[in-house]
PDB file of N, CA and C in Angstrom:
ATOM      1  N   MET A   1     111.519 278.118 272.080  1.00  0.00           N
ATOM      2  CA  MET A   1     111.597 279.204 270.869  1.00  0.00           C
ATOM      3  C   MET A   1     111.099 279.390 269.774  1.00  0.00           C
ATOM      4  N   ASP A   2     110.399 280.026 269.122  1.00  0.00           N
ATOM      5  CA  ASP A   2     109.777 279.860 267.865  1.00  0.00           C
ATOM      6  C   ASP A   2     111.099 280.407 266.387  1.00  0.00           C
ATOM      7  N   TYR A   3     111.600 281.472 266.822  1.00  0.00           N
ATOM      8  CA  TYR A   3     112.046 282.663 266.318  1.00  0.00           C
ATOM      9  C   TYR A   3     113.654 282.844 266.590  1.00  0.00           C
ATOM     10  N   LEU A   4     114.158 282.563 268.056  1.00  0.00           N
ATOM     11  CA  LEU A   4     115.541 283.454 268.536  1.00  0.00           C
ATOM     12  C   LEU A   4     116.132 281.944 269.021  1.00  0.00           C
ATOM     13  N   THR A   5     117.148 282.158 268.063  1.00  0.00           N
ATOM     14  CA  THR A   5     118.349 280.395 268.435  1.00  0.00           C
ATOM     15  C   THR A   5     119.426 281.204 268.952  1.00  0.00           C
ATOM     16  N   PHE A   6     120.355 280.486 270.342  1.00  0.00           N
ATOM     17  CA  PHE A   6     121.456 281.159 270.478  1.00  0.00           C
ATOM     18  C   PHE A   6     122.278 280.911 270.043  1.00  0.00           C
ATOM     19  N   GLN A   7     123.399 281.199 270.148  1.00  0.00           N
ATOM     20  CA  GLN A   7     125.088 280.637 269.744  1.00  0.00           C
ATOM     21  C   GLN A   7     125.670 281.293 270.369  1.00  0.00           C
ATOM     22  N   LEU A   8     126.815 280.424 271.037  1.00  0.00           N
ATOM     23  CA  LEU A   8     127.388 280.082 272.276  1.00  0.00           C
ATOM     24  C   LEU A   8     128.638 280.979 271.738  1.00  0.00           C
ATOM     25  N   ASP A   9     129.618 281.756 271.929  1.00  0.00           N
ATOM     26  CA  ASP A   9     130.476 281.806 271.513  1.00  0.00           C
ATOM     27  C   ASP A   9     131.532 282.356 272.681  1.00  0.00           C
ATOM     28  N   GLU A  10     132.669 281.781 272.700  1.00  0.00           N
ATOM     29  CA  GLU A  10     134.123 282.293 274.112  1.00  0.00           C
ATOM     30  C   GLU A  10     134.835 283.641 273.674  1.00  0.00           C
ATOM     31  N   VAL A  11     134.532 284.372 274.335  1.00  0.00           N
ATOM     32  CA  VAL A  11     135.033 285.698 274.195  1.00  0.00           C
ATOM     33  C   VAL A  11     136.318 285.846 274.659  1.00  0.00           C
ATOM     34  N   GLY A  12     136.431 284.826 275.901  1.00  0.00           N
ATOM     35  CA  GLY A  12     137.452 285.737 276.666  1.00  0.00           C
ATOM     36  C   GLY A  12     137.375 284.453 277.914  1.00  0.00           C
ATOM     37  N   GLU A  13     138.503 284.864 279.291  1.00  0.00           N
ATOM     38  CA  GLU A  13     138.646 284.380 280.330  1.00  0.00           C
ATOM     39  C   GLU A  13     137.158 284.211 281.022  1.00  0.00           C
ATOM     40  N   GLY A  14     136.822 283.714 281.068  1.00  0.00           N
ATOM     41  CA  GLY A  14     135.719 283.508 282.167  1.00  0.00           C
ATOM     42  C   GLY A  14     134.023 284.114 281.161  1.00  0.00           C
ATOM     43  N   VAL A  15     134.350 284.626 279.897  1.00  0.00           N
ATOM     44  CA  VAL A  15     133.168 285.396 279.582  1.00  0.00           C
ATOM     45  C   VAL A  15     132.579 284.653 278.481  1.00  0.00           C
ATOM     46  N   ALA A  16     131.473 284.215 278.374  1.00  0.00           N
ATOM     47  CA  ALA A  16     131.320 284.014 276.784  1.00  0.00           C
ATOM     48  C   ALA A  16     130.254 285.178 276.727  1.00  0.00           C
ATOM     49  N   ALA A  17     129.716 284.766 275.143  1.00  0.00           N
ATOM     50  CA  ALA A  17     128.760 285.542 274.185  1.00  0.00           C
ATOM     51  C   ALA A  17     127.418 284.661 273.842  1.00  0.00           C
ATOM     52  N   LEU A  18     126.491 284.971 274.647  1.00  0.00           N
ATOM     53  CA  LEU A  18     125.178 284.664 273.231  1.00  0.00           C
ATOM     54  C   LEU A  18     124.237 285.077 273.030  1.00  0.00           C
ATOM     55  N   GLU A  19     124.440 285.103 271.466  1.00  0.00           N
ATOM     56  CA  GLU A  19     123.636 285.826 270.196  1.00  0.00           C
ATOM     57  C   GLU A  19     122.843 285.427 270.046  1.00  0.00           C
ATOM     58  N   ALA A  20     121.890 286.333 269.276  1.00  0.00           N
ATOM     59  CA  ALA A  20     120.795 285.772 269.347  1.00  0.00           C
ATOM     60  C   ALA A  20     120.160 286.419 268.067  1.00  0.00           C
ATOM     61  N   MET A  21     119.292 285.994 266.764  1.00  0.00           N
ATOM     62  CA  MET A  21     118.646 287.258 265.775  1.00  0.00           C
ATOM     63  C   MET A  21     117.551 286.228 265.241  1.00  0.00           C
ATOM     64  N   ALA A  22     116.788 287.411 265.149  1.00  0.00           N
ATOM     65  CA  ALA A  22     115.496 286.301 263.735  1.00  0.00           C
ATOM     66  C   ALA A  22     115.375 287.955 262.918  1.00  0.00           C
ATOM     67  N   SER A  23     115.723 287.067 261.914  1.00  0.00           N
ATOM     68  CA  SER A  23     114.930 288.494 260.846  1.00  0.00           C
ATOM     69  C   SER A  23     113.646 287.936 260.453  1.00  0.00           C
ATOM     70  N   THR A  24     112.838 288.731 259.988  1.00  0.00           N
ATOM     71  CA  THR A  24     111.491 288.283 260.021  1.00  0.00           C
ATOM     72  C   THR A  24     110.071 289.918 259.281  1.00  0.00           C
ATOM     73  N   GLN A  25     109.568 289.094 258.533  1.00  0.00           N
ATOM     74  CA  GLN A  25     108.018 290.206 257.816  1.00  0.00           C
ATOM     75  C   GLN A  25     107.924 290.925 259.040  1.00  0.00           C
ATOM     76  N   ALA A  26     107.494 292.708 259.314  1.00  0.00           N
ATOM     77  CA  ALA A  26     107.220 292.878 260.630  1.00  0.00           C
ATOM     78  C   ALA A  26     105.959 292.579 261.420  1.00  0.00           C
ATOM     79  N   GLY A  27     105.127 291.761 260.508  1.00  0.00           N
ATOM     80  CA  GLY A  27     103.970 291.454 261.244  1.00  0.00           C
ATOM     81  C   GLY A  27     103.955 289.906 261.985  1.00  0.00           C
ATOM     82  N   GLN A  28     105.364 289.442 262.121  1.00  0.00           N
ATOM     83  CA  GLN A  28     105.762 289.225 263.196  1.00  0.00           C
ATOM     84  C   GLN A  28     106.866 289.365 264.214  1.00  0.00           C
ATOM     85  N   HIS A  29     106.979 290.356 264.528  1.00  0.00           N
ATOM     86  CA  HIS A  29     107.692 291.107 265.237  1.00  0.00           C
ATOM     87  C   HIS A  29     107.183 291.052 266.445  1.00  0.00           C
ATOM     88  N   ALA A  30     106.050 290.963 266.544  1.00  0.00           N
ATOM     89  CA  ALA A  30     105.561 290.964 268.596  1.00  0.00           C
ATOM     90  C   ALA A  30     105.927 290.205 268.895  1.00  0.00           C
ATOM     91  N   ALA A  31     105.846 288.711 267.989  1.00  0.00           N
ATOM     92  CA  ALA A  31     106.189 287.303 268.299  1.00  0.00           C
ATOM     93  C   ALA A  31     107.688 287.579 268.610  1.00  0.00           C
ATOM     94  N   VAL A  32     108.356 287.991 267.343  1.00  0.00           N
ATOM     95  CA  VAL A  32     109.845 287.706 268.202  1.00  0.00           C
ATOM     96  C   VAL A  32     109.923 288.473 269.507  1.00  0.00           C
ATOM     97  N   MET A  33     109.438 289.903 269.665  1.00  0.00           N
ATOM     98  CA  MET A  33     109.685 290.418 271.245  1.00  0.00           C
ATOM     99  C   MET A  33     109.130 290.013 272.277  1.00  0.00           C
ATOM    100  N   ALA A  34     108.076 289.238 271.638  1.00  0.00           N
ATOM    101  CA  ALA A  34     107.621 288.097 272.800  1.00  0.00           C
ATOM    102  C   ALA A  34     108.540 287.268 273.535  1.00  0.00           C
ATOM    103  N   GLU A  35     109.632 286.711 272.557  1.00  0.00           N
ATOM    104  CA  GLU A  35     110.399 285.976 272.808  1.00  0.00           C
ATOM    105  C   GLU A  35     111.383 286.394 273.614  1.00  0.00           C
ATOM    106  N   VAL A  36     112.054 287.794 273.288  1.00  0.00           N
ATOM    107  CA  VAL A  36     112.854 288.476 273.895  1.00  0.00           C
ATOM    108  C   VAL A  36     112.777 288.977 275.165  1.00  0.00           C
ATOM    109  N   GLU A  37     111.252 289.580 275.485  1.00  0.00           N
ATOM    110  CA  GLU A  37     110.568 289.494 276.488  1.00  0.00           C
ATOM    111  C   GLU A  37     110.912 288.715 277.708  1.00  0.00           C
ATOM    112  N   GLN A  38     110.638 287.381 277.115  1.00  0.00           N
ATOM    113  CA  GLN A  38     110.452 286.027 278.063  1.00  0.00           C
ATOM    114  C   GLN A  38     112.168 286.346 278.621  1.00  0.00           C
ATOM    115  N   VAL A  39     112.737 285.798 277.352  1.00  0.00           N
ATOM    116  CA  VAL A  39     114.631 285.790 277.872  1.00  0.00           C
ATOM    117  C   VAL A  39     114.905 287.145 278.799  1.00  0.00           C
ATOM    118  N   LEU A  40     114.902 287.779 278.616  1.00  0.00           N
ATOM    119  CA  LEU A  40     115.016 289.025 279.184  1.00  0.00           C
ATOM    120  C   LEU A  40     114.247 288.994 281.068  1.00  0.00           C
ATOM    121  N   ALA A  41     113.348 288.920 280.899  1.00  0.00           N
ATOM    122  CA  ALA A  41     112.346 289.086 282.410  1.00  0.00           C
ATOM    123  C   ALA A  41     112.890 287.210 282.748  1.00  0.00           C
ATOM    124  N   TRP A  42     113.471 286.426 282.786  1.00  0.00           N
ATOM    125  CA  TRP A  42     114.106 284.863 283.275  1.00  0.00           C
ATOM    126  C   TRP A  42     115.600 285.701 283.318  1.00  0.00           C
ATOM    127  N   CYS A  43     115.941 286.487 282.834  1.00  0.00           N
ATOM    128  CA  CYS A  43     117.591 286.891 283.321  1.00  0.00           C
ATOM    129  C   CYS A  43     116.981 287.801 284.463  1.00  0.00           C
ATOM    130  N   TRP A  44     115.963 289.018 283.986  1.00  0.00           N
ATOM    131  CA  TRP A  44     116.775 289.545 285.525  1.00  0.00           C
ATOM    132  C   TRP A  44     115.770 289.323 286.616  1.00  0.00           C
ATOM    133  N   GLN A  45     115.083 288.436 286.330  1.00  0.00           N
ATOM    134  CA  GLN A  45     114.684 286.926 287.680  1.00  0.00           C
ATOM    135  C   GLN A  45     115.712 286.542 288.326  1.00  0.00           C
ATOM    136  N   GLN A  46     116.198 285.948 287.161  1.00  0.00           N
ATOM    137  CA  GLN A  46     117.203 285.369 288.732  1.00  0.00           C
ATOM    138  C   GLN A  46     119.126 285.902 289.298  1.00  0.00           C
ATOM    139  N   PHE A  47     119.004 286.880 287.742  1.00  0.00           N
ATOM    140  CA  PHE A  47     120.471 287.537 288.117  1.00  0.00           C
ATOM    141  C   PHE A  47     120.333 288.893 287.840  1.00  0.00           C
ATOM    142  N   ALA A  48     118.952 289.405 289.125  1.00  0.00           N
ATOM    143  CA  ALA A  48     118.471 290.904 288.715  1.00  0.00           C
ATOM    144  C   ALA A  48     119.892 291.871 289.822  1.00  0.00           C
ATOM    145  N   HIS A  49     121.019 291.322 290.764  1.00  0.00           N
ATOM    146  CA  HIS A  49     121.612 292.102 291.006  1.00  0.00           C
ATOM    147  C   HIS A  49     122.915 291.698 290.522  1.00  0.00           C
ATOM    148  N   SER A  50     123.147 291.165 289.368  1.00  0.00           N
ATOM    149  CA  SER A  50     125.163 291.074 288.982  1.00  0.00           C
ATOM    150  C   SER A  50     124.294 291.158 287.274  1.00  0.00           C
ATOM    151  N   HIS A  51     124.060 292.620 287.303  1.00  0.00           N
ATOM    152  CA  HIS A  51     123.923 293.008 285.425  1.00  0.00           C
ATOM    153  C   HIS A  51     124.731 294.217 285.108  1.00  0.00           C
ATOM    154  N   GLY A  52     125.556 293.922 284.569  1.00  0.00           N
ATOM    155  CA  GLY A  52     126.840 295.295 284.443  1.00  0.00           C
ATOM    156  C   GLY A  52     127.837 293.900 283.792  1.00  0.00           C
ATOM    157  N   PRO A  53     128.604 294.994 283.084  1.00  0.00           N
ATOM    158  CA  PRO A  53     130.283 294.385 282.373  1.00  0.00           C
ATOM    159  C   PRO A  53     130.602 293.006 283.546  1.00  0.00           C
ATOM    160  N   VAL A  54     130.850 292.229 282.687  1.00  0.00           N
ATOM    161  CA  VAL A  54     131.209 290.449 283.346  1.00  0.00           C
ATOM    162  C   VAL A  54     132.811 290.779 283.295  1.00  0.00           C
ATOM    163  N   ASP A  55     133.413 291.849 282.535  1.00  0.00           N
ATOM    164  CA  ASP A  55     134.904 291.585 283.296  1.00  0.00           C
ATOM    165  C   ASP A  55     135.084 292.336 284.156  1.00  0.00           C
ATOM    166  N   ASP A  56     133.899 293.185 284.780  1.00  0.00           N
ATOM    167  CA  ASP A  56     133.810 293.744 286.030  1.00  0.00           C
ATOM    168  C   ASP A  56     133.686 292.972 287.367  1.00  0.00           C
ATOM    169  N   GLY A  57     133.436 291.739 287.030  1.00  0.00           N
ATOM    170  CA  GLY A  57     132.800 290.565 287.992  1.00  0.00           C
ATOM    171  C   GLY A  57     131.423 290.514 288.210  1.00  0.00           C
ATOM    172  N   GLN A  58     130.595 291.363 287.275  1.00  0.00           N
ATOM    173  CA  GLN A  58     129.296 290.661 286.771  1.00  0.00           C
ATOM    174  C   GLN A  58     129.019 289.819 285.820  1.00  0.00           C
ATOM    175  N   ASP A  59     127.813 288.949 286.220  1.00  0.00           N
ATOM    176  CA  ASP A  59     127.362 287.544 285.878  1.00  0.00           C
ATOM    177  C   ASP A  59     126.757 287.809 284.020  1.00  0.00           C
ATOM    178  N   TRP A  60     126.276 289.581 284.213  1.00  0.00           N
ATOM    179  CA  TRP A  60     125.280 289.449 282.620  1.00  0.00           C
ATOM    180  C   TRP A  60     126.102 291.110 282.560  1.00  0.00           C
ATOM    181  N   HIS A  61     125.259 291.301 280.440  1.00  0.00           N
ATOM    182  CA  HIS A  61     124.802 292.609 280.376  1.00  0.00           C
ATOM    183  C   HIS A  61     125.020 292.363 278.905  1.00  0.00           C
ATOM    184  N   HIS A  62     123.270 293.164 278.249  1.00  0.00           N
ATOM    185  CA  HIS A  62     123.120 292.489 277.123  1.00  0.00           C
ATOM    186  C   HIS A  62     122.903 293.872 276.533  1.00  0.00           C
ATOM    187  N   GLU A  63     122.817 293.675 275.616  1.00  0.00           N
ATOM    188  CA  GLU A  63     122.540 294.388 274.072  1.00  0.00           C
ATOM    189  C   GLU A  63     121.254 294.604 273.089  1.00  0.00           C
ATOM    190  N   LEU A  64     120.235 295.135 272.878  1.00  0.00           N
ATOM    191  CA  LEU A  64     119.237 294.440 271.920  1.00  0.00           C
ATOM    192  C   LEU A  64     118.964 295.525 270.494  1.00  0.00           C
ATOM    193  N   ARG A  65     118.791 294.883 269.460  1.00  0.00           N
ATOM    194  CA  ARG A  65     119.058 295.567 268.656  1.00  0.00           C
ATOM    195  C   ARG A  65     117.926 295.318 267.633  1.00  0.00           C
ATOM    196  N   VAL A  66     117.136 296.591 267.338  1.00  0.00           N
ATOM    197  CA  VAL A  66     116.168 296.579 266.050  1.00  0.00           C
ATOM    198  C   VAL A  66     116.553 297.249 265.405  1.00  0.00           C
ATOM    199  N   VAL A  67     116.009 296.563 264.155  1.00  0.00           N
ATOM    200  CA  VAL A  67     116.349 296.969 262.637  1.00  0.00           C
ATOM    201  C   VAL A  67     115.874 296.853 262.138  1.00  0.00           C
ATOM    202  N   ASP A  68     114.554 298.528 261.448  1.00  0.00           N
ATOM    203  CA  ASP A  68     114.193 297.832 260.088  1.00  0.00           C
ATOM    204  C   ASP A  68     114.743 297.903 259.005  1.00  0.00           C
ATOM    205  N   GLU A  69     113.940 296.653 258.121  1.00  0.00           N
ATOM    206  CA  GLU A  69     115.425 296.531 256.708  1.00  0.00           C
ATOM    207  C   GLU A  69     114.264 296.725 255.522  1.00  0.00           C
ATOM    208  N   ALA A  70     114.755 297.278 254.492  1.00  0.00           N
ATOM    209  CA  ALA A  70     113.831 297.082 253.291  1.00  0.00           C
ATOM    210  C   ALA A  70     112.807 296.005 252.791  1.00  0.00           C
ATOM    211  N   GLY A  71     112.297 296.161 252.344  1.00  0.00           N
ATOM    212  CA  GLY A  71     111.089 295.407 252.424  1.00  0.00           C
ATOM    213  C   GLY A  71     110.026 294.941 253.166  1.00  0.00           C
ATOM    214  N   GLY A  72     109.878 295.756 254.881  1.00  0.00           N
ATOM    215  CA  GLY A  72     109.504 295.462 255.456  1.00  0.00           C
ATOM    216  C   GLY A  72     109.650 294.403 256.252  1.00  0.00           C
ATOM    217  N   TRP A  73     111.494 294.113 256.713  1.00  0.00           N
ATOM    218  CA  TRP A  73     111.825 292.554 256.980  1.00  0.00           C
ATOM    219  C   TRP A  73     112.347 293.915 258.432  1.00  0.00           C
ATOM    220  N   ARG A  74     112.120 293.356 259.503  1.00  0.00           N
ATOM    221  CA  ARG A  74     112.850 293.708 260.995  1.00  0.00           C
ATOM    222  C   ARG A  74     114.000 292.590 261.709  1.00  0.00           C
ATOM    223  N   THR A  75     115.112 292.960 261.399  1.00  0.00           N
ATOM    224  CA  THR A  75     116.521 292.082 262.197  1.00  0.00           C
ATOM    225  C   THR A  75     116.349 292.337 263.667  1.00  0.00           C
ATOM    226  N   VAL A  76     115.881 291.666 264.464  1.00  0.00           N
ATOM    227  CA  VAL A  76     116.145 291.796 266.161  1.00  0.00           C
ATOM    228  C   VAL A  76     117.312 290.747 266.650  1.00  0.00           C
ATOM    229  N   THR A  77     118.326 291.480 266.993  1.00  0.00           N
ATOM    230  CA  THR A  77     119.719 290.821 267.815  1.00  0.00           C
ATOM    231  C   THR A  77     119.719 291.545 268.922  1.00  0.00           C
ATOM    232  N   LEU A  78     119.566 290.113 269.832  1.00  0.00           N
ATOM    233  CA  LEU A  78     120.163 290.410 270.900  1.00  0.00           C
ATOM    234  C   LEU A  78     121.202 289.467 272.023  1.00  0.00           C
ATOM    235  N   SER A  79     122.182 290.071 272.550  1.00  0.00           N
ATOM    236  CA  SER A  79     123.359 289.614 272.457  1.00  0.00           C
ATOM    237  C   SER A  79     123.992 289.937 274.592  1.00  0.00           C
ATOM    238  N   ILE A  80     123.741 288.858 274.859  1.00  0.00           N
ATOM    239  CA  ILE A  80     124.460 288.723 276.263  1.00  0.00           C
ATOM    240  C   ILE A  80     126.270 288.735 276.655  1.00  0.00           C
ATOM    241  N   ALA A  81     126.761 288.918 277.205  1.00  0.00           N
ATOM    242  CA  ALA A  81     128.000 288.737 277.859  1.00  0.00           C
ATOM    243  C   ALA A  81     127.668 288.024 278.893  1.00  0.00           C
ATOM    244  N   ALA A  82     127.878 286.925 279.493  1.00  0.00           N
ATOM    245  CA  ALA A  82     127.701 285.646 280.282  1.00  0.00           C
ATOM    246  C   ALA A  82     129.016 285.096 280.990  1.00  0.00           C
ATOM    247  N   SER A  83     128.517 284.950 282.608  1.00  0.00           N
ATOM    248  CA  SER A  83     129.532 284.502 283.374  1.00  0.00           C
ATOM    249  C   SER A  83     129.326 282.968 282.808  1.00  0.00           C
ATOM    250  N   PRO A  84     129.811 281.896 283.390  1.00  0.00           N
ATOM    251  CA  PRO A  84     130.291 280.486 283.460  1.00  0.00           C
ATOM    252  C   PRO A  84     128.925 280.480 284.087  1.00  0.00           C
ATOM    253  N   ARG A  85     128.450 281.212 285.644  1.00  0.00           N
ATOM    254  CA  ARG A  85     127.549 280.496 286.332  1.00  0.00           C
ATOM    255  C   ARG A  85     126.355 280.870 285.128  1.00  0.00           C
ATOM    256  N   PHE A  86     125.956 282.467 284.509  1.00  0.00           N
ATOM    257  CA  PHE A  86     124.827 282.746 284.202  1.00  0.00           C
ATOM    258  C   PHE A  86     124.371 281.121 282.535  1.00  0.00           C
ATOM    259  N   THR A  87     126.124 281.520 282.111  1.00  0.00           N
ATOM    260  CA  THR A  87     125.502 280.271 281.027  1.00  0.00           C
ATOM    261  C   THR A  87     125.089 279.130 281.268  1.00  0.00           C
ATOM    262  N   ALA A  88     126.076 278.546 282.496  1.00  0.00           N
ATOM    263  CA  ALA A  88     124.356 277.490 283.074  1.00  0.00           C
ATOM    264  C   ALA A  88     123.711 277.250 283.326  1.00  0.00           C
ATOM    265  N   ALA A  89     122.854 278.492 284.228  1.00  0.00           N
ATOM    266  CA  ALA A  89     121.619 278.841 284.472  1.00  0.00           C
ATOM    267  C   ALA A  89     120.794 278.897 283.492  1.00  0.00           C
ATOM    268  N   PHE A  90     120.869 279.335 282.077  1.00  0.00           N
ATOM    269  CA  PHE A  90     120.447 280.029 281.010  1.00  0.00           C
ATOM    270  C   PHE A  90     120.407 278.782 280.134  1.00  0.00           C
ATOM    271  N   GLU A  91     121.671 277.902 280.260  1.00  0.00           N
ATOM    272  CA  GLU A  91     121.454 276.752 279.344  1.00  0.00           C
ATOM    273  C   GLU A  91     120.354 275.470 279.725  1.00  0.00           C
ATOM    274  N   ALA A  92     120.165 275.584 281.217  1.00  0.00           N
ATOM    275  CA  ALA A  92     119.811 274.691 282.439  1.00  0.00           C
ATOM    276  C   ALA A  92     118.106 274.813 281.997  1.00  0.00           C
ATOM    277  N   ARG A  93     118.005 276.820 281.614  1.00  0.00           N
ATOM    278  CA  ARG A  93     116.346 276.701 281.643  1.00  0.00           C
ATOM    279  C   ARG A  93     116.016 276.554 280.179  1.00  0.00           C
ATOM    280  N   PHE A  94     116.739 277.387 278.706  1.00  0.00           N
ATOM    281  CA  PHE A  94     116.434 277.109 277.471  1.00  0.00           C
ATOM    282  C   PHE A  94     116.850 276.352 276.786  1.00  0.00           C
ATOM    283  N   GLY A  95     117.720 274.942 277.432  1.00  0.00           N
ATOM    284  CA  GLY A  95     118.383 274.089 276.875  1.00  0.00           C
ATOM    285  C   GLY A  95     119.836 274.651 276.101  1.00  0.00           C
ATOM    286  N   PRO A  96     120.609 273.546 275.628  1.00  0.00           N
ATOM    287  CA  PRO A  96     121.933 273.713 274.944  1.00  0.00           C
ATOM    288  C   PRO A  96     121.948 274.757 273.990  1.00  0.00           C
ATOM    289  N   LEU A  97     122.751 275.756 274.498  1.00  0.00           N
ATOM    290  CA  LEU A  97     123.467 276.946 273.363  1.00  0.00           C
ATOM    291  C   LEU A  97     124.231 276.236 271.978  1.00  0.00           C
ATOM    292  N   GLY A  98     123.807 276.381 270.765  1.00  0.00           N
ATOM    293  CA  GLY A  98     124.459 276.407 269.702  1.00  0.00           C
ATOM    294  C   GLY A  98     126.052 276.623 269.389  1.00  0.00           C
ATOM    295  N   ASP A  99     126.857 276.162 268.761  1.00  0.00           N
ATOM    296  CA  ASP A  99     127.775 276.986 269.037  1.00  0.00           C
ATOM    297  C   ASP A  99     128.393 277.418 267.281  1.00  0.00           C
TER     298      ASP A  99
END
């Protein structure tokens, strides 16, 4: 990954928050979104039947935000609530998460 760097925060009993943000000029936006698509494609492939609220027993739930900023900048934020099982698989695929 060239743009997205995930941070890991524990938010509750057995629930983690994986957060990534990239703020780039509009010309780099397609590259950022390609990384987002790569991550989400893996999530859907590996955990297709367990997407939903982690508090309800699912493995992952995500939110994607894209905001146009002043000066031609775009900020992309990908947030994933994750179970321990999802987090372990995510780290195995994408590497250790920063804290």
